[in-house]
C-alpha atoms as a PDB file:
ATOM      1  CA  UNK A   1     -42.990 109.012  40.740  1.00  0.00           C
ATOM      2  CA  UNK A   2     -44.199 105.440  38.845  1.00  0.00           C
ATOM      3  CA  UNK A   3     -43.981 101.936  40.178  1.00  0.00           C
ATOM      4  CA  UNK A   4     -41.386  99.643  38.948  1.00  0.00           C
ATOM      5  CA  UNK A   5     -43.055  96.804  37.250  1.00  0.00           C
ATOM      6  CA  UNK A   6     -42.172  93.494  38.807  1.00  0.00           C
ATOM      7  CA  UNK A   7     -38.991  91.740  37.415  1.00  0.00           C
ATOM      8  CA  UNK A   8     -39.409  88.112  35.544  1.00  0.00           C
ATOM      9  CA  UNK A   9     -39.066  85.645  38.375  1.00  0.00           C
ATOM     10  CA  UNK A  10     -35.796  83.535  38.348  1.00  0.00           C
ATOM     11  CA  UNK A  11     -37.278  80.256  38.650  1.00  0.00           C
ATOM     12  CA  UNK A  12     -40.873  79.735  37.142  1.00  0.00           C
ATOM     13  CA  UNK A  13     -42.388  76.468  37.483  1.00  0.00           C
ATOM     14  CA  UNK A  14     -44.568  75.120  34.835  1.00  0.00           C
ATOM     15  CA  UNK A  15     -48.337  75.090  34.818  1.00  0.00           C
ATOM     16  CA  UNK A  16     -50.176  71.906  34.649  1.00  0.00           C
ATOM     17  CA  UNK A  17     -52.745  71.633  32.254  1.00  0.00           C
ATOM     18  CA  UNK A  18     -55.941  73.310  33.238  1.00  0.00           C
ATOM     19  CA  UNK A  19     -54.229  74.582  35.965  1.00  0.00           C
ATOM     20  CA  UNK A  20     -56.090  77.304  37.960  1.00  0.00           C
ATOM     21  CA  UNK A  21     -54.158  80.854  38.196  1.00  0.00           C
ATOM     22  CA  UNK A  22     -54.535  81.004  42.019  1.00  0.00           C
ATOM     23  CA  UNK A  23     -53.095  77.334  42.473  1.00  0.00           C
ATOM     24  CA  UNK A  24     -49.957  78.405  40.107  1.00  0.00           C
ATOM     25  CA  UNK A  25     -49.343  81.574  41.769  1.00  0.00           C
ATOM     26  CA  UNK A  26     -49.615  79.285  45.454  1.00  0.00           C
ATOM     27  CA  UNK A  27     -47.259  76.976  44.113  1.00  0.00           C
ATOM     28  CA  UNK A  28     -44.923  79.783  43.221  1.00  0.00           C
ATOM     29  CA  UNK A  29     -45.454  80.920  47.177  1.00  0.00           C
ATOM     30  CA  UNK A  30     -44.461  78.290  48.592  1.00  0.00           C
ATOM     31  CA  UNK A  31     -41.309  77.161  46.302  1.00  0.00           C
ATOM     32  CA  UNK A  32     -40.367  80.690  47.608  1.00  0.00           C
ATOM     33  CA  UNK A  33     -41.508  80.639  50.743  1.00  0.00           C
ATOM     34  CA  UNK A  34     -43.802  83.454  51.158  1.00  0.00           C
ATOM     35  CA  UNK A  35     -47.922  83.667  51.143  1.00  0.00           C
ATOM     36  CA  UNK A  36     -49.996  83.178  48.311  1.00  0.00           C
ATOM     37  CA  UNK A  37     -51.710  86.860  48.446  1.00  0.00           C
ATOM     38  CA  UNK A  38     -47.927  88.150  49.031  1.00  0.00           C
ATOM     39  CA  UNK A  39     -46.650  86.937  45.511  1.00  0.00           C
ATOM     40  CA  UNK A  40     -49.753  88.221  44.236  1.00  0.00           C
ATOM     41  CA  UNK A  41     -49.689  91.421  45.516  1.00  0.00           C
ATOM     42  CA  UNK A  42     -45.376  91.441  44.502  1.00  0.00           C
ATOM     43  CA  UNK A  43     -47.029  90.498  41.006  1.00  0.00           C
ATOM     44  CA  UNK A  44     -50.169  92.922  41.090  1.00  0.00           C
ATOM     45  CA  UNK A  45     -50.232  95.095  44.422  1.00  0.00           C
ATOM     46  CA  UNK A  46     -53.549  96.066  43.293  1.00  0.00           C
ATOM     47  CA  UNK A  47     -55.472  92.649  43.528  1.00  0.00           C
ATOM     48  CA  UNK A  48     -57.465  92.453  46.755  1.00  0.00           C
ATOM     49  CA  UNK A  49     -56.856  88.815  46.515  1.00  0.00           C
ATOM     50  CA  UNK A  50     -56.429  85.308  44.617  1.00  0.00           C
ATOM     51  CA  UNK A  51     -60.135  84.589  44.273  1.00  0.00           C
ATOM     52  CA  UNK A  52     -60.350  88.078  42.149  1.00  0.00           C
ATOM     53  CA  UNK A  53     -57.770  87.083  40.014  1.00  0.00           C
ATOM     54  CA  UNK A  54     -59.453  83.778  38.858  1.00  0.00           C
ATOM     55  CA  UNK A  55     -62.949  85.546  38.257  1.00  0.00           C
ATOM     56  CA  UNK A  56     -61.454  89.033  36.469  1.00  0.00           C
ATOM     57  CA  UNK A  57     -58.283  90.504  35.210  1.00  0.00           C
ATOM     58  CA  UNK A  58     -57.710  93.497  32.930  1.00  0.00           C
ATOM     59  CA  UNK A  59     -55.816  92.769  29.699  1.00  0.00           C
ATOM     60  CA  UNK A  60     -52.870  94.854  31.608  1.00  0.00           C
ATOM     61  CA  UNK A  61     -52.821  92.231  34.420  1.00  0.00           C
ATOM     62  CA  UNK A  62     -53.170  89.369  32.250  1.00  0.00           C
ATOM     63  CA  UNK A  63     -49.969  91.207  30.582  1.00  0.00           C
ATOM     64  CA  UNK A  64     -47.998  91.634  33.699  1.00  0.00           C
ATOM     65  CA  UNK A  65     -48.528  88.527  35.063  1.00  0.00           C
ATOM     66  CA  UNK A  66     -47.618  87.011  31.920  1.00  0.00           C
ATOM     67  CA  UNK A  67     -44.396  88.854  31.906  1.00  0.00           C
ATOM     68  CA  UNK A  68     -43.278  88.026  35.089  1.00  0.00           C
ATOM     69  CA  UNK A  69     -44.055  84.351  34.876  1.00  0.00           C
ATOM     70  CA  UNK A  70     -42.530  84.084  31.507  1.00  0.00           C
ATOM     71  CA  UNK A  71     -45.460  83.101  29.814  1.00  0.00           C
ATOM     72  CA  UNK A  72     -48.383  84.756  27.283  1.00  0.00           C
ATOM     73  CA  UNK A  73     -50.839  86.846  28.247  1.00  0.00           C
ATOM     74  CA  UNK A  74     -53.638  84.479  26.543  1.00  0.00           C
ATOM     75  CA  UNK A  75     -51.927  81.346  28.771  1.00  0.00           C
ATOM     76  CA  UNK A  76     -52.595  83.605  32.026  1.00  0.00           C
ATOM     77  CA  UNK A  77     -56.403  84.159  30.575  1.00  0.00           C
ATOM     78  CA  UNK A  78     -56.652  80.762  29.899  1.00  0.00           C
ATOM     79  CA  UNK A  79     -56.505  79.772  33.466  1.00  0.00           C
ATOM     80  CA  UNK A  80     -58.842  82.080  35.141  1.00  0.00           C
ATOM     81  CA  UNK A  81     -62.948  82.412  34.709  1.00  0.00           C
ATOM     82  CA  UNK A  82     -62.481  85.415  33.585  1.00  0.00           C
ATOM     83  CA  UNK A  83     -64.955  83.989  29.791  1.00  0.00           C
ATOM     84  CA  UNK A  84     -67.289  82.491  32.429  1.00  0.00           C
ATOM     85  CA  UNK A  85     -71.110  83.765  31.763  1.00  0.00           C
ATOM     86  CA  UNK A  86     -72.307  86.140  34.303  1.00  0.00           C
ATOM     87  CA  UNK A  87     -75.618  83.969  35.295  1.00  0.00           C
ATOM     88  CA  UNK A  88     -72.921  81.196  35.455  1.00  0.00           C
ATOM     89  CA  UNK A  89     -70.334  82.626  38.341  1.00  0.00           C
ATOM     90  CA  UNK A  90     -72.656  81.500  40.927  1.00  0.00           C
ATOM     91  CA  UNK A  91     -71.972  77.676  39.633  1.00  0.00           C
ATOM     92  CA  UNK A  92     -67.887  78.540  40.516  1.00  0.00           C
ATOM     93  CA  UNK A  93     -67.748  76.974  43.973  1.00  0.00           C
ATOM     94  CA  UNK A  94     -64.322  79.193  46.840  1.00  0.00           C
ATOM     95  CA  UNK A  95     -62.879  76.149  47.099  1.00  0.00           C
ATOM     96  CA  UNK A  96     -62.220  72.537  45.141  1.00  0.00           C
ATOM     97  CA  UNK A  97     -64.687  70.284  45.654  1.00  0.00           C
ATOM     98  CA  UNK A  98     -64.101  67.284  43.246  1.00  0.00           C
ATOM     99  CA  UNK A  99     -61.793  65.690  40.921  1.00  0.00           C
ATOM    100  CA  UNK A 100     -60.427  63.776  38.890  1.00  0.00           C
ATOM    101  CA  UNK A 101     -58.221  60.195  39.106  1.00  0.00           C
ATOM    102  CA  UNK A 102     -56.602  60.000  35.894  1.00  0.00           C
ATOM    103  CA  UNK A 103     -56.266  63.897  35.180  1.00  0.00           C
ATOM    104  CA  UNK A 104     -54.974  65.119  38.759  1.00  0.00           C
ATOM    105  CA  UNK A 105     -51.752  65.469  39.174  1.00  0.00           C
ATOM    106  CA  UNK A 106     -50.479  63.604  42.072  1.00  0.00           C
ATOM    107  CA  UNK A 107     -47.709  63.477  44.467  1.00  0.00           C
ATOM    108  CA  UNK A 108     -46.730  67.180  43.809  1.00  0.00           C
ATOM    109  CA  UNK A 109     -46.740  69.288  47.142  1.00  0.00           C
ATOM    110  CA  UNK A 110     -48.417  71.888  47.146  1.00  0.00           C
ATOM    111  CA  UNK A 111     -51.258  70.209  45.193  1.00  0.00           C
ATOM    112  CA  UNK A 112     -52.069  72.006  41.759  1.00  0.00           C
ATOM    113  CA  UNK A 113     -55.798  72.708  41.967  1.00  0.00           C
ATOM    114  CA  UNK A 114     -57.240  72.429  38.355  1.00  0.00           C
ATOM    115  CA  UNK A 115     -60.235  74.204  37.251  1.00  0.00           C
ATOM    116  CA  UNK A 116     -62.423  71.807  37.019  1.00  0.00           C
ATOM    117  CA  UNK A 117     -62.238  71.293  40.638  1.00  0.00           C
ATOM    118  CA  UNK A 118     -64.253  74.584  41.100  1.00  0.00           C
ATOM    119  CA  UNK A 119     -67.261  74.028  38.142  1.00  0.00           C
ATOM    120  CA  UNK A 120     -70.054  73.026  39.728  1.00  0.00           C
ATOM    121  CA  UNK A 121     -72.018  72.283  36.693  1.00  0.00           C
ATOM    122  CA  UNK A 122     -69.639  69.242  35.971  1.00  0.00           C
ATOM    123  CA  UNK A 123     -69.970  65.638  37.182  1.00  0.00           C
ATOM    124  CA  UNK A 124     -67.575  64.451  34.284  1.00  0.00           C
ATOM    125  CA  UNK A 125     -63.626  65.540  33.844  1.00  0.00           C
ATOM    126  CA  UNK A 126     -63.364  68.176  30.631  1.00  0.00           C
ATOM    127  CA  UNK A 127     -59.969  66.561  29.679  1.00  0.00           C
ATOM    128  CA  UNK A 128     -60.109  63.385  29.411  1.00  0.00           C
ATOM    129  CA  UNK A 129     -64.330  62.386  30.131  1.00  0.00           C
ATOM    130  CA  UNK A 130     -63.959  60.628  33.031  1.00  0.00           C
ATOM    131  CA  UNK A 131     -66.495  60.565  36.192  1.00  0.00           C
ATOM    132  CA  UNK A 132     -65.286  62.843  38.351  1.00  0.00           C
ATOM    133  CA  UNK A 133     -64.600  62.022  42.477  1.00  0.00           C
ATOM    134  CA  UNK A 134     -65.905  63.912  46.101  1.00  0.00           C
ATOM    135  CA  UNK A 135     -63.422  65.699  47.420  1.00  0.00           C
ATOM    136  CA  UNK A 136     -64.676  65.685  49.990  1.00  0.00           C
ATOM    137  CA  UNK A 137     -64.528  62.629  53.660  1.00  0.00           C
ATOM    138  CA  UNK A 138     -68.278  61.393  52.133  1.00  0.00           C
ATOM    139  CA  UNK A 139     -67.607  59.092  48.757  1.00  0.00           C
ATOM    140  CA  UNK A 140     -71.770  58.822  48.323  1.00  0.00           C
ATOM    141  CA  UNK A 141     -72.147  56.985  45.396  1.00  0.00           C
ATOM    142  CA  UNK A 142     -75.015  58.790  43.161  1.00  0.00           C
ATOM    143  CA  UNK A 143     -78.927  57.154  43.298  1.00  0.00           C
ATOM    144  CA  UNK A 144     -79.485  59.093  40.262  1.00  0.00           C
ATOM    145  CA  UNK A 145     -78.011  57.048  37.925  1.00  0.00           C
ATOM    146  CA  UNK A 146     -81.015  56.472  35.725  1.00  0.00           C
ATOM    147  CA  UNK A 147     -81.122  59.727  34.858  1.00  0.00           C
ATOM    148  CA  UNK A 148     -77.483  59.847  33.508  1.00  0.00           C
ATOM    149  CA  UNK A 149     -77.752  60.469  30.010  1.00  0.00           C
ATOM    150  CA  UNK A 150     -79.860  63.322  30.995  1.00  0.00           C
ATOM    151  CA  UNK A 151     -77.985  64.482  33.154  1.00  0.00           C
ATOM    152  CA  UNK A 152     -74.823  64.657  30.987  1.00  0.00           C
ATOM    153  CA  UNK A 153     -76.826  66.657  28.332  1.00  0.00           C
ATOM    154  CA  UNK A 154     -77.538  69.221  30.964  1.00  0.00           C
ATOM    155  CA  UNK A 155     -73.607  69.424  32.389  1.00  0.00           C
ATOM    156  CA  UNK A 156     -73.166  70.125  28.292  1.00  0.00           C
ATOM    157  CA  UNK A 157     -75.906  72.542  28.395  1.00  0.00           C
ATOM    158  CA  UNK A 158     -74.517  74.644  31.122  1.00  0.00           C
ATOM    159  CA  UNK A 159     -70.812  74.493  30.008  1.00  0.00           C
ATOM    160  CA  UNK A 160     -72.031  75.942  26.392  1.00  0.00           C
ATOM    161  CA  UNK A 161     -73.356  78.390  28.189  1.00  0.00           C
ATOM    162  CA  UNK A 162     -71.168  79.417  31.115  1.00  0.00           C
ATOM    163  CA  UNK A 163     -68.011  78.592  28.941  1.00  0.00           C
ATOM    164  CA  UNK A 164     -68.921  79.436  25.253  1.00  0.00           C
ATOM    165  CA  UNK A 165     -71.962  82.205  26.214  1.00  0.00           C
ATOM    166  CA  UNK A 166     -73.870  79.307  23.916  1.00  0.00           C
ATOM    167  CA  UNK A 167     -77.534  78.745  24.967  1.00  0.00           C
ATOM    168  CA  UNK A 168     -80.517  77.759  23.501  1.00  0.00           C
ATOM    169  CA  UNK A 169     -84.189  79.442  24.337  1.00  0.00           C
ATOM    170  CA  UNK A 170     -83.025  79.948  27.507  1.00  0.00           C
ATOM    171  CA  UNK A 171     -80.126  80.389  30.004  1.00  0.00           C
ATOM    172  CA  UNK A 172     -79.608  77.004  31.832  1.00  0.00           C
ATOM    173  CA  UNK A 173     -78.422  78.419  34.860  1.00  0.00           C
ATOM    174  CA  UNK A 174     -81.371  80.629  35.411  1.00  0.00           C
ATOM    175  CA  UNK A 175     -83.450  77.265  35.013  1.00  0.00           C
ATOM    176  CA  UNK A 176     -80.950  75.714  37.738  1.00  0.00           C
ATOM    177  CA  UNK A 177     -81.937  78.477  40.024  1.00  0.00           C
ATOM    178  CA  UNK A 178     -85.813  78.039  39.608  1.00  0.00           C
ATOM    179  CA  UNK A 179     -85.597  74.354  39.788  1.00  0.00           C
ATOM    180  CA  UNK A 180     -84.230  75.143  43.535  1.00  0.00           C
ATOM    181  CA  UNK A 181     -86.786  77.062  44.496  1.00  0.00           C
ATOM    182  CA  UNK A 182     -89.104  75.439  47.438  1.00  0.00           C
ATOM    183  CA  UNK A 183     -92.284  73.396  46.751  1.00  0.00           C
ATOM    184  CA  UNK A 184     -95.103  72.575  48.500  1.00  0.00           C
ATOM    185  CA  UNK A 185     -96.249  68.641  48.237  1.00  0.00           C
ATOM    186  CA  UNK A 186     -99.768  67.578  47.920  1.00  0.00           C
ATOM    187  CA  UNK A 187    -100.134  66.288  50.563  1.00  0.00           C
ATOM    188  CA  UNK A 188     -98.778  68.977  52.390  1.00  0.00           C
ATOM    189  CA  UNK A 189     -96.484  67.796  54.958  1.00  0.00           C
ATOM    190  CA  UNK A 190     -95.789  68.739  58.833  1.00  0.00           C
ATOM    191  CA  UNK A 191     -94.106  72.161  58.892  1.00  0.00           C
ATOM    192  CA  UNK A 192     -90.507  70.814  59.942  1.00  0.00           C
ATOM    193  CA  UNK A 193     -90.273  68.820  57.131  1.00  0.00           C
ATOM    194  CA  UNK A 194     -91.286  71.589  54.180  1.00  0.00           C
ATOM    195  CA  UNK A 195     -87.357  72.601  53.833  1.00  0.00           C
ATOM    196  CA  UNK A 196     -87.040  68.889  51.865  1.00  0.00           C
ATOM    197  CA  UNK A 197     -89.045  69.637  48.683  1.00  0.00           C
ATOM    198  CA  UNK A 198     -87.937  71.575  46.296  1.00  0.00           C
ATOM    199  CA  UNK A 199     -89.158  72.665  42.444  1.00  0.00           C
ATOM    200  CA  UNK A 200     -86.923  69.893  41.237  1.00  0.00           C
ATOM    201  CA  UNK A 201     -88.509  66.964  42.681  1.00  0.00           C
ATOM    202  CA  UNK A 202     -91.599  67.652  40.910  1.00  0.00           C
ATOM    203  CA  UNK A 203     -89.349  66.619  37.874  1.00  0.00           C
ATOM    204  CA  UNK A 204     -86.549  63.954  39.195  1.00  0.00           C
ATOM    205  CA  UNK A 205     -89.466  62.595  42.059  1.00  0.00           C
ATOM    206  CA  UNK A 206     -86.609  59.849  43.866  1.00  0.00           C
ATOM    207  CA  UNK A 207     -85.295  63.357  44.981  1.00  0.00           C
ATOM    208  CA  UNK A 208     -87.602  64.178  48.056  1.00  0.00           C
ATOM    209  CA  UNK A 209     -86.801  60.451  49.088  1.00  0.00           C
ATOM    210  CA  UNK A 210     -83.120  60.550  48.680  1.00  0.00           C
ATOM    211  CA  UNK A 211     -82.496  64.009  50.796  1.00  0.00           C
ATOM    212  CA  UNK A 212     -84.990  62.672  53.462  1.00  0.00           C
ATOM    213  CA  UNK A 213     -83.000  59.497  53.564  1.00  0.00           C
ATOM    214  CA  UNK A 214     -79.178  61.211  53.590  1.00  0.00           C
ATOM    215  CA  UNK A 215     -80.785  64.294  55.675  1.00  0.00           C
ATOM    216  CA  UNK A 216     -79.315  66.300  53.277  1.00  0.00           C
ATOM    217  CA  UNK A 217     -79.648  70.286  52.853  1.00  0.00           C
ATOM    218  CA  UNK A 218     -79.968  71.023  49.367  1.00  0.00           C
ATOM    219  CA  UNK A 219     -78.165  74.543  48.318  1.00  0.00           C
ATOM    220  CA  UNK A 220     -79.992  78.064  47.530  1.00  0.00           C
ATOM    221  CA  UNK A 221     -81.301  79.315  44.343  1.00  0.00           C
ATOM    222  CA  UNK A 222     -78.169  81.848  45.367  1.00  0.00           C
ATOM    223  CA  UNK A 223     -76.025  79.222  45.263  1.00  0.00           C
ATOM    224  CA  UNK A 224     -76.660  76.493  43.511  1.00  0.00           C
ATOM    225  CA  UNK A 225     -74.513  73.907  44.183  1.00  0.00           C
ATOM    226  CA  UNK A 226     -74.992  70.727  44.772  1.00  0.00           C
ATOM    227  CA  UNK A 227     -73.210  67.792  46.471  1.00  0.00           C
ATOM    228  CA  UNK A 228     -71.251  65.860  43.476  1.00  0.00           C
ATOM    229  CA  UNK A 229     -73.899  62.801  44.347  1.00  0.00           C
ATOM    230  CA  UNK A 230     -77.092  64.390  44.032  1.00  0.00           C
ATOM    231  CA  UNK A 231     -75.427  67.079  40.864  1.00  0.00           C
ATOM    232  CA  UNK A 232     -77.096  64.513  38.239  1.00  0.00           C
ATOM    233  CA  UNK A 233     -80.160  65.278  39.630  1.00  0.00           C
ATOM    234  CA  UNK A 234     -80.367  69.247  39.016  1.00  0.00           C
ATOM    235  CA  UNK A 235     -78.253  68.664  35.728  1.00  0.00           C
ATOM    236  CA  UNK A 236     -80.560  66.049  34.115  1.00  0.00           C
ATOM    237  CA  UNK A 237     -83.343  68.446  35.601  1.00  0.00           C
ATOM    238  CA  UNK A 238     -82.048  71.161  33.259  1.00  0.00           C
ATOM    239  CA  UNK A 239     -81.877  69.070  30.316  1.00  0.00           C
ATOM    240  CA  UNK A 240     -85.738  67.947  30.732  1.00  0.00           C
ATOM    241  CA  UNK A 241     -86.970  71.526  30.928  1.00  0.00           C
ATOM    242  CA  UNK A 242     -84.831  72.874  28.539  1.00  0.00           C
ATOM    243  CA  UNK A 243     -85.712  70.269  25.735  1.00  0.00           C
ATOM    244  CA  UNK A 244     -89.850  70.742  27.012  1.00  0.00           C
ATOM    245  CA  UNK A 245     -89.705  74.567  26.802  1.00  0.00           C
ATOM    246  CA  UNK A 246     -91.266  77.294  28.535  1.00  0.00           C
ATOM    247  CA  UNK A 247     -94.532  75.832  29.175  1.00  0.00           C
ATOM    248  CA  UNK A 248     -92.954  73.258  31.912  1.00  0.00           C
ATOM    249  CA  UNK A 249     -91.724  76.313  33.486  1.00  0.00           C
ATOM    250  CA  UNK A 250     -95.369  77.709  33.651  1.00  0.00           C
ATOM    251  CA  UNK A 251     -96.871  74.447  34.655  1.00  0.00           C
ATOM    252  CA  UNK A 252     -94.329  74.117  37.478  1.00  0.00           C
ATOM    253  CA  UNK A 253     -95.791  76.711  39.103  1.00  0.00           C
ATOM    254  CA  UNK A 254     -99.080  74.392  40.339  1.00  0.00           C
ATOM    255  CA  UNK A 255     -96.815  73.316  42.725  1.00  0.00           C
ATOM    256  CA  UNK A 256     -95.530  76.541  44.575  1.00  0.00           C
ATOM    257  CA  UNK A 257     -97.704  78.727  46.932  1.00  0.00           C
ATOM    258  CA  UNK A 258     -97.605  82.744  48.301  1.00  0.00           C
ATOM    259  CA  UNK A 259     -94.935  84.483  48.341  1.00  0.00           C
ATOM    260  CA  UNK A 260     -92.476  81.536  46.763  1.00  0.00           C
ATOM    261  CA  UNK A 261     -95.156  81.659  43.848  1.00  0.00           C
ATOM    262  CA  UNK A 262     -95.589  84.793  43.187  1.00  0.00           C
ATOM    263  CA  UNK A 263     -91.194  85.155  42.917  1.00  0.00           C
ATOM    264  CA  UNK A 264     -91.450  82.043  40.813  1.00  0.00           C
ATOM    265  CA  UNK A 265     -94.117  83.432  38.250  1.00  0.00           C
ATOM    266  CA  UNK A 266     -91.798  86.668  38.234  1.00  0.00           C
ATOM    267  CA  UNK A 267     -88.914  84.726  37.072  1.00  0.00           C
ATOM    268  CA  UNK A 268     -90.124  82.504  34.539  1.00  0.00           C
ATOM    269  CA  UNK A 269     -92.554  85.283  33.233  1.00  0.00           C
ATOM    270  CA  UNK A 270     -89.075  87.488  32.207  1.00  0.00           C
ATOM    271  CA  UNK A 271     -87.374  84.515  30.965  1.00  0.00           C
ATOM    272  CA  UNK A 272     -90.309  83.802  28.269  1.00  0.00           C
ATOM    273  CA  UNK A 273     -90.543  87.471  27.550  1.00  0.00           C
ATOM    274  CA  UNK A 274     -87.120  87.387  26.845  1.00  0.00           C
ATOM    275  CA  UNK A 275     -87.456  84.267  23.992  1.00  0.00           C
ATOM    276  CA  UNK A 276     -90.678  86.194  22.817  1.00  0.00           C
ATOM    277  CA  UNK A 277     -88.812  89.568  22.216  1.00  0.00           C
ATOM    278  CA  UNK A 278     -85.977  87.840  19.619  1.00  0.00           C
ATOM    279  CA  UNK A 279     -89.260  86.589  17.618  1.00  0.00           C
ATOM    280  CA  UNK A 280     -91.134  90.214  17.775  1.00  0.00           C
ATOM    281  CA  UNK A 281     -88.028  91.789  16.179  1.00  0.00           C
ATOM    282  CA  UNK A 282     -87.748  89.522  13.611  1.00  0.00           C
ATOM    283  CA  UNK A 283     -91.185  89.854  12.233  1.00  0.00           C
ATOM    284  CA  UNK A 284     -90.674  93.587  12.655  1.00  0.00           C
ATOM    285  CA  UNK A 285     -87.804  93.610  10.628  1.00  0.00           C
ATOM    286  CA  UNK A 286     -89.868  91.901   7.864  1.00  0.00           C
ATOM    287  CA  UNK A 287     -92.887  94.371   7.734  1.00  0.00           C
END
């Protein structure tokens, strides 16, 4: 016996501009006084979690949600991260890390969550261009204002890759991961201080001092989302490397030792091989 498709909800709440799908479902759940996961599974019985719904929906699932909430499948699709390029998925936070004071809806309960609040590559609001603010208790000003122009360019490089599949000679998300690998500065510091030093500090020298002074623990390459006040350093570093080209990545190997240097070298050679491959193919086509 086939499952009967869920009927359209009698009361449907309009989504806010750029609202995240899980947020919209959660607001409906609050209205109908049920847990958000129950609301999701009323619509899609096979859905494992709200996070999974944000990251990937089939066209059939989008159509079913659209029918229940009285909208178009394309509108449901735009509320998800389904189009975000795979290398950029590591930069999507699991909870809101920032907000725009201009575009975030005020006074709504529960508070809507916008897509941009989870995007770990953004320092400006994609809707109005204003500076984003930290959603946490710490409201630290960024010590990297001199790098702002480069940071905004790095933000655009990451956004173009993530949202539109556009990149230059390599993936800026892959550059971000390389820049967050550990490095060994000269002179070699005490062993208990080694955790502070990342490849990024060889490009943005202020970073080492800021990390030490604020006792910040930088994220690993596996989840390269920096706190908002430190994020401009990473974005600027990405822009600097992208503009300098593969030669800069090769030069940065000199800041590493041991197994970490081997891993960095292998990753860099893989990126450079991808850059050279299209050129070789186009030359073969001319023969």
